[in-house]
C-alpha atoms as a PDB file:
ATOM      1  CA  MET A   1      53.021  78.096  20.348  1.00  0.00           C
ATOM      2  CA  ARG A   2      52.860  77.899  23.896  1.00  0.00           C
ATOM      3  CA  SER A   3      55.828  78.867  26.015  1.00  0.00           C
ATOM      4  CA  ARG A   4      58.323  76.819  28.268  1.00  0.00           C
ATOM      5  CA  ALA A   5      56.416  78.323  31.510  1.00  0.00           C
ATOM      6  CA  ALA A   6      53.151  77.236  30.243  1.00  0.00           C
ATOM      7  CA  GLY A   7      54.733  73.634  30.172  1.00  0.00           C
ATOM      8  CA  GLY A   8      56.942  73.399  27.106  1.00  0.00           C
ATOM      9  CA  LEU A   9      57.057  70.165  24.953  1.00  0.00           C
ATOM     10  CA  ALA A  10      54.696  68.288  27.569  1.00  0.00           C
ATOM     11  CA  ALA A  11      52.097  71.114  26.891  1.00  0.00           C
ATOM     12  CA  LEU A  12      52.024  70.234  23.353  1.00  0.00           C
ATOM     13  CA  ALA A  13      52.140  66.267  23.908  1.00  0.00           C
ATOM     14  CA  GLY A  14      48.119  66.171  23.350  1.00  0.00           C
ATOM     15  CA  GLU A  15      48.680  67.767  19.683  1.00  0.00           C
ATOM     16  CA  TYR A  16      50.999  64.792  18.756  1.00  0.00           C
ATOM     17  CA  ASN A  17      48.419  61.832  19.940  1.00  0.00           C
ATOM     18  CA  HIS A  18      50.201  61.792  23.147  1.00  0.00           C
ATOM     19  CA  LEU A  19      53.743  61.666  21.582  1.00  0.00           C
ATOM     20  CA  LEU A  20      56.217  64.096  22.340  1.00  0.00           C
ATOM     21  CA  LEU A  21      57.868  65.561  19.477  1.00  0.00           C
ATOM     22  CA  LEU A  22      61.838  65.468  19.301  1.00  0.00           C
ATOM     23  CA  GLY A  23      62.505  67.520  16.259  1.00  0.00           C
ATOM     24  CA  PRO A  24      62.664  69.511  13.877  1.00  0.00           C
ATOM     25  CA  ALA A  25      63.754  72.541  15.854  1.00  0.00           C
ATOM     26  CA  MET A  26      61.056  74.641  17.180  1.00  0.00           C
ATOM     27  CA  ARG A  27      62.187  78.172  18.116  1.00  0.00           C
ATOM     28  CA  GLY A  28      62.093  78.572  21.959  1.00  0.00           C
ATOM     29  CA  PHE A  29      61.865  75.137  22.664  1.00  0.00           C
ATOM     30  CA  PHE A  30      65.151  73.559  21.887  1.00  0.00           C
ATOM     31  CA  SER A  31      68.052  74.281  19.247  1.00  0.00           C
ATOM     32  CA  THR A  32      69.685  70.960  18.212  1.00  0.00           C
ATOM     33  CA  PRO A  33      66.590  68.944  16.705  1.00  0.00           C
ATOM     34  CA  ALA A  34      66.965  65.087  16.075  1.00  0.00           C
ATOM     35  CA  GLN A  35      68.095  64.085  12.232  1.00  0.00           C
ATOM     36  CA  MET A  36      66.713  60.289  12.962  1.00  0.00           C
ATOM     37  CA  PRO A  37      63.594  58.678  13.953  1.00  0.00           C
ATOM     38  CA  GLY A  38      63.569  57.794  17.793  1.00  0.00           C
ATOM     39  CA  ALA A  39      61.411  56.889  20.543  1.00  0.00           C
ATOM     40  CA  VAL A  40      61.728  56.669  24.555  1.00  0.00           C
ATOM     41  CA  ILE A  41      59.917  53.965  25.984  1.00  0.00           C
ATOM     42  CA  GLU A  42      59.071  52.694  29.197  1.00  0.00           C
ATOM     43  CA  PRO A  43      57.493  49.258  29.303  1.00  0.00           C
ATOM     44  CA  LEU A  44      57.429  48.313  32.923  1.00  0.00           C
ATOM     45  CA  TYR A  45      57.666  50.307  36.282  1.00  0.00           C
ATOM     46  CA  VAL A  46      60.266  48.207  38.019  1.00  0.00           C
ATOM     47  CA  THR A  47      59.710  49.951  41.535  1.00  0.00           C
ATOM     48  CA  ASP A  48      55.939  48.414  41.026  1.00  0.00           C
ATOM     49  CA  PRO A  49      56.662  44.754  42.535  1.00  0.00           C
ATOM     50  CA  PHE A  50      54.060  42.849  39.639  1.00  0.00           C
ATOM     51  CA  GLU A  51      55.748  45.015  36.664  1.00  0.00           C
ATOM     52  CA  GLY A  52      59.281  44.033  38.520  1.00  0.00           C
ATOM     53  CA  SER A  53      58.409  40.375  38.661  1.00  0.00           C
ATOM     54  CA  ILE A  54      58.025  40.691  34.788  1.00  0.00           C
ATOM     55  CA  ALA A  55      61.227  42.660  34.224  1.00  0.00           C
ATOM     56  CA  ASP A  56      62.857  39.642  36.019  1.00  0.00           C
ATOM     57  CA  SER A  57      61.338  37.186  33.908  1.00  0.00           C
ATOM     58  CA  VAL A  58      63.327  36.006  30.673  1.00  0.00           C
ATOM     59  CA  MET A  59      60.022  34.613  28.882  1.00  0.00           C
ATOM     60  CA  ASP A  60      58.328  38.007  29.626  1.00  0.00           C
ATOM     61  CA  GLN A  61      61.762  39.986  28.475  1.00  0.00           C
ATOM     62  CA  GLN A  62      61.464  38.296  25.256  1.00  0.00           C
ATOM     63  CA  VAL A  63      57.923  39.248  24.939  1.00  0.00           C
ATOM     64  CA  ILE A  64      58.800  43.000  25.432  1.00  0.00           C
ATOM     65  CA  ALA A  65      61.450  42.913  23.340  1.00  0.00           C
ATOM     66  CA  SER A  66      59.657  41.018  20.424  1.00  0.00           C
ATOM     67  CA  GLY A  67      57.117  43.626  20.798  1.00  0.00           C
ATOM     68  CA  ILE A  68      59.659  46.584  20.417  1.00  0.00           C
ATOM     69  CA  ALA A  69      61.236  44.680  17.439  1.00  0.00           C
ATOM     70  CA  SER A  70      57.974  44.463  15.509  1.00  0.00           C
ATOM     71  CA  ALA A  71      57.197  48.433  16.030  1.00  0.00           C
ATOM     72  CA  ILE A  72      60.626  48.754  14.363  1.00  0.00           C
ATOM     73  CA  GLU A  73      60.018  46.734  11.641  1.00  0.00           C
ATOM     74  CA  ARG A  74      56.679  47.993  11.098  1.00  0.00           C
ATOM     75  CA  PHE A  75      57.967  51.687  11.589  1.00  0.00           C
ATOM     76  CA  VAL A  76      60.817  50.877   8.988  1.00  0.00           C
ATOM     77  CA  ALA A  77      58.720  49.223   6.510  1.00  0.00           C
ATOM     78  CA  ARG A  78      56.584  52.032   5.956  1.00  0.00           C
END
């Protein structure tokens, strides 16, 4: 196991197919693991002018929301 000094969870991300493990607890990393599935997403960088314009469009917001809803439905159906 890598130490926090060696990059902590970020250093382990590659072992999880570029996903960061949020739980269960791993000694030396965190002591309060998640008891439910979760995801942290960042569909756009609003500081980028082009992506900011996407965030400003109701139609594009619907496309993003639909994609997120579809991913959740697929996960729950497993």
